[in-house]
Amino acid sequence: MKTKRIMSGLAMLCAMAISLSGIAKESESKSSIQGTLKVEKRSEAEFPGLAKIGLQEAMKIATENVNGKVLQAGLEKKNGYLVYSVEVVTAEKEIKELDIDAATGKVLSVKIDKADNDKESEEDDD
């Protein structure tokens, strides 16, 4: 009887550990953007002067990587680095957000912008 309780407790602990490790990995991947221009202690007003590529170049890079039209774009600080965040609308009406290094033009991440897509589908329900 005591052995069953111990085994049951161990199984629950293992399940919790596996669950928590998944959460940790997910949060790590969200903040894994690492650019080349650190801007942790810079004001937003300094961002345009620090960027090595322009907004037009960032939008061009975005549409070369994701076929579609630019919805919006701008300079942002992500994980302490200066990046262009560019949203592109695809032919399938998906919104994809690309993070592009403001110094090198390298695409740091591409993800589906679920928040905007969810909001759009909620508005369609009216």
C-alpha atoms as a PDB file:
ATOM      1  CA  MET A   1       0.000   0.000   0.000  1.00  0.00           C
ATOM      2  CA  LYS A   2       2.794   2.377   0.970  1.00  0.00           C
ATOM      3  CA  THR A   3       4.690   1.457  -2.202  1.00  0.00           C
ATOM      4  CA  LYS A   4       1.652   2.351  -4.354  1.00  0.00           C
ATOM      5  CA  ARG A   5       1.462   5.811  -2.766  1.00  0.00           C
ATOM      6  CA  ILE A   6       5.170   6.404  -3.285  1.00  0.00           C
ATOM      7  CA  MET A   7       4.992   5.264  -6.926  1.00  0.00           C
ATOM      8  CA  SER A   8       1.895   7.392  -7.494  1.00  0.00           C
ATOM      9  CA  GLY A   9       3.650  10.408  -5.976  1.00  0.00           C
ATOM     10  CA  LEU A  10       6.746   9.849  -8.091  1.00  0.00           C
ATOM     11  CA  ALA A  11       4.645   9.583 -11.245  1.00  0.00           C
ATOM     12  CA  MET A  12       2.961  12.898 -10.419  1.00  0.00           C
ATOM     13  CA  LEU A  13       6.319  14.547  -9.774  1.00  0.00           C
ATOM     14  CA  CYS A  14       7.671  13.273 -13.095  1.00  0.00           C
ATOM     15  CA  ALA A  15       4.614  14.565 -14.943  1.00  0.00           C
ATOM     16  CA  MET A  16       4.983  17.974 -13.297  1.00  0.00           C
ATOM     17  CA  ALA A  17       8.690  18.111 -14.110  1.00  0.00           C
ATOM     18  CA  ILE A  18       8.058  17.293 -17.764  1.00  0.00           C
ATOM     19  CA  SER A  19       5.312  19.918 -17.923  1.00  0.00           C
ATOM     20  CA  LEU A  20       7.492  22.593 -16.337  1.00  0.00           C
ATOM     21  CA  SER A  21      10.432  21.847 -18.621  1.00  0.00           C
ATOM     22  CA  GLY A  22       8.156  22.404 -21.618  1.00  0.00           C
ATOM     23  CA  ILE A  23       7.087  25.778 -20.250  1.00  0.00           C
ATOM     24  CA  ALA A  24      10.709  26.794 -19.655  1.00  0.00           C
ATOM     25  CA  LYS A  25      11.705  25.853 -23.213  1.00  0.00           C
ATOM     26  CA  GLU A  26       8.746  27.796 -24.621  1.00  0.00           C
ATOM     27  CA  SER A  27       9.663  30.969 -22.728  1.00  0.00           C
ATOM     28  CA  GLU A  28      13.313  30.617 -23.771  1.00  0.00           C
ATOM     29  CA  SER A  29      12.364  30.399 -27.439  1.00  0.00           C
ATOM     30  CA  LYS A  30      10.233  33.544 -27.191  1.00  0.00           C
ATOM     31  CA  SER A  31      13.180  35.582 -25.963  1.00  0.00           C
ATOM     32  CA  SER A  32      15.894  33.927 -28.022  1.00  0.00           C
ATOM     33  CA  ILE A  33      16.225  36.816 -30.489  1.00  0.00           C
ATOM     34  CA  GLN A  34      19.832  37.930 -30.516  1.00  0.00           C
ATOM     35  CA  GLY A  35      20.788  40.723 -32.852  1.00  0.00           C
ATOM     36  CA  THR A  36      24.013  42.660 -33.161  1.00  0.00           C
ATOM     37  CA  LEU A  37      23.011  46.150 -31.942  1.00  0.00           C
ATOM     38  CA  LYS A  38      22.521  46.232 -28.168  1.00  0.00           C
ATOM     39  CA  VAL A  39      20.174  49.054 -27.156  1.00  0.00           C
ATOM     40  CA  GLU A  40      19.314  48.221 -23.563  1.00  0.00           C
ATOM     41  CA  LYS A  41      20.195  51.670 -22.233  1.00  0.00           C
ATOM     42  CA  ARG A  42      19.169  53.704 -25.279  1.00  0.00           C
ATOM     43  CA  SER A  43      16.043  55.774 -25.738  1.00  0.00           C
ATOM     44  CA  GLU A  44      13.639  54.964 -28.552  1.00  0.00           C
ATOM     45  CA  ALA A  45      14.420  58.343 -30.129  1.00  0.00           C
ATOM     46  CA  GLU A  46      17.988  57.128 -30.790  1.00  0.00           C
ATOM     47  CA  PHE A  47      16.913  53.975 -32.677  1.00  0.00           C
ATOM     48  CA  PRO A  48      16.782  55.440 -36.225  1.00  0.00           C
ATOM     49  CA  GLY A  49      20.319  56.808 -35.920  1.00  0.00           C
ATOM     50  CA  LEU A  50      21.655  53.462 -34.696  1.00  0.00           C
ATOM     51  CA  ALA A  51      20.148  51.272 -37.435  1.00  0.00           C
ATOM     52  CA  LYS A  52      22.605  50.354 -40.195  1.00  0.00           C
ATOM     53  CA  ILE A  53      19.893  49.398 -42.696  1.00  0.00           C
ATOM     54  CA  GLY A  54      16.847  51.475 -43.500  1.00  0.00           C
ATOM     55  CA  LEU A  55      13.169  50.707 -43.164  1.00  0.00           C
ATOM     56  CA  GLN A  56      12.760  50.189 -46.926  1.00  0.00           C
ATOM     57  CA  GLU A  57      15.604  47.639 -46.937  1.00  0.00           C
ATOM     58  CA  ALA A  58      14.051  45.784 -43.974  1.00  0.00           C
ATOM     59  CA  MET A  59      10.693  45.608 -45.770  1.00  0.00           C
ATOM     60  CA  LYS A  60      12.403  44.348 -48.935  1.00  0.00           C
ATOM     61  CA  ILE A  61      14.192  41.624 -46.948  1.00  0.00           C
ATOM     62  CA  ALA A  62      10.896  40.649 -45.317  1.00  0.00           C
ATOM     63  CA  THR A  63       9.026  40.260 -48.610  1.00  0.00           C
ATOM     64  CA  GLU A  64      11.938  38.295 -50.101  1.00  0.00           C
ATOM     65  CA  ASN A  65      11.541  35.814 -47.236  1.00  0.00           C
ATOM     66  CA  VAL A  66       7.739  35.757 -46.998  1.00  0.00           C
ATOM     67  CA  ASN A  67       5.712  36.252 -50.146  1.00  0.00           C
ATOM     68  CA  GLY A  68       3.110  38.943 -49.476  1.00  0.00           C
ATOM     69  CA  LYS A  69       2.573  42.617 -48.760  1.00  0.00           C
ATOM     70  CA  VAL A  70       3.891  44.615 -45.835  1.00  0.00           C
ATOM     71  CA  LEU A  71       1.160  45.523 -43.357  1.00  0.00           C
ATOM     72  CA  GLN A  72       3.365  47.450 -40.942  1.00  0.00           C
ATOM     73  CA  ALA A  73       7.013  47.815 -39.998  1.00  0.00           C
ATOM     74  CA  GLY A  74       9.097  49.613 -37.432  1.00  0.00           C
ATOM     75  CA  LEU A  75      12.152  49.619 -35.206  1.00  0.00           C
ATOM     76  CA  GLU A  76      11.791  47.859 -31.862  1.00  0.00           C
ATOM     77  CA  LYS A  77      13.907  46.734 -28.958  1.00  0.00           C
ATOM     78  CA  LYS A  78      13.584  42.978 -28.517  1.00  0.00           C
ATOM     79  CA  ASN A  79      15.586  41.099 -25.928  1.00  0.00           C
ATOM     80  CA  GLY A  80      17.829  44.175 -25.651  1.00  0.00           C
ATOM     81  CA  TYR A  81      18.647  44.315 -29.395  1.00  0.00           C
ATOM     82  CA  LEU A  82      17.519  46.697 -32.120  1.00  0.00           C
ATOM     83  CA  VAL A  83      15.422  44.935 -34.748  1.00  0.00           C
ATOM     84  CA  TYR A  84      12.936  45.799 -37.428  1.00  0.00           C
ATOM     85  CA  SER A  85       9.624  44.106 -36.788  1.00  0.00           C
ATOM     86  CA  VAL A  86       7.856  43.667 -40.122  1.00  0.00           C
ATOM     87  CA  GLU A  87       4.366  42.206 -40.522  1.00  0.00           C
ATOM     88  CA  VAL A  88       3.584  40.687 -43.915  1.00  0.00           C
ATOM     89  CA  VAL A  89       0.137  39.579 -45.109  1.00  0.00           C
ATOM     90  CA  THR A  90       0.327  36.452 -47.269  1.00  0.00           C
ATOM     91  CA  ALA A  91      -2.011  35.454 -50.102  1.00  0.00           C
ATOM     92  CA  GLU A  92      -3.640  33.053 -47.610  1.00  0.00           C
ATOM     93  CA  LYS A  93      -4.479  36.085 -45.389  1.00  0.00           C
ATOM     94  CA  GLU A  94      -2.004  35.011 -42.726  1.00  0.00           C
ATOM     95  CA  ILE A  95      -0.036  37.690 -40.953  1.00  0.00           C
ATOM     96  CA  LYS A  96       3.603  36.764 -40.455  1.00  0.00           C
ATOM     97  CA  GLU A  97       5.919  38.785 -38.254  1.00  0.00           C
ATOM     98  CA  LEU A  98       9.602  38.878 -39.136  1.00  0.00           C
ATOM     99  CA  ASP A  99      12.307  40.201 -36.842  1.00  0.00           C
ATOM    100  CA  ILE A 100      15.214  41.555 -38.863  1.00  0.00           C
ATOM    101  CA  ASP A 101      18.555  42.633 -37.406  1.00  0.00           C
ATOM    102  CA  ALA A 102      18.789  46.414 -37.813  1.00  0.00           C
ATOM    103  CA  ALA A 103      22.544  46.209 -38.420  1.00  0.00           C
ATOM    104  CA  THR A 104      23.010  43.221 -40.718  1.00  0.00           C
ATOM    105  CA  GLY A 105      19.619  42.646 -42.314  1.00  0.00           C
ATOM    106  CA  LYS A 106      19.657  39.033 -41.145  1.00  0.00           C
ATOM    107  CA  VAL A 107      16.223  37.517 -40.503  1.00  0.00           C
ATOM    108  CA  LEU A 108      16.235  36.556 -36.826  1.00  0.00           C
ATOM    109  CA  SER A 109      12.755  35.028 -36.627  1.00  0.00           C
ATOM    110  CA  VAL A 110       9.577  34.442 -38.606  1.00  0.00           C
ATOM    111  CA  LYS A 111       6.341  33.607 -36.845  1.00  0.00           C
ATOM    112  CA  ILE A 112       2.631  33.713 -37.474  1.00  0.00           C
ATOM    113  CA  ASP A 113       1.177  36.716 -35.686  1.00  0.00           C
ATOM    114  CA  LYS A 114      -1.619  34.825 -33.939  1.00  0.00           C
ATOM    115  CA  ALA A 115      -2.907  37.780 -31.920  1.00  0.00           C
ATOM    116  CA  ASP A 116      -3.818  39.756 -35.046  1.00  0.00           C
ATOM    117  CA  ASN A 117      -5.219  36.689 -36.807  1.00  0.00           C
ATOM    118  CA  ASP A 118      -7.380  35.792 -33.763  1.00  0.00           C
ATOM    119  CA  LYS A 119      -8.651  39.355 -33.437  1.00  0.00           C
ATOM    120  CA  GLU A 120      -9.621  39.370 -37.118  1.00  0.00           C
ATOM    121  CA  SER A 121     -11.616  36.161 -36.789  1.00  0.00           C
ATOM    122  CA  GLU A 122     -13.407  37.480 -33.667  1.00  0.00           C
ATOM    123  CA  GLU A 123     -14.455  40.620 -35.571  1.00  0.00           C
ATOM    124  CA  ASP A 124     -15.758  38.476 -38.449  1.00  0.00           C
ATOM    125  CA  ASP A 125     -18.094  36.672 -36.061  1.00  0.00           C
ATOM    126  CA  ASP A 126     -20.229  39.819 -35.525  1.00  0.00           C
END
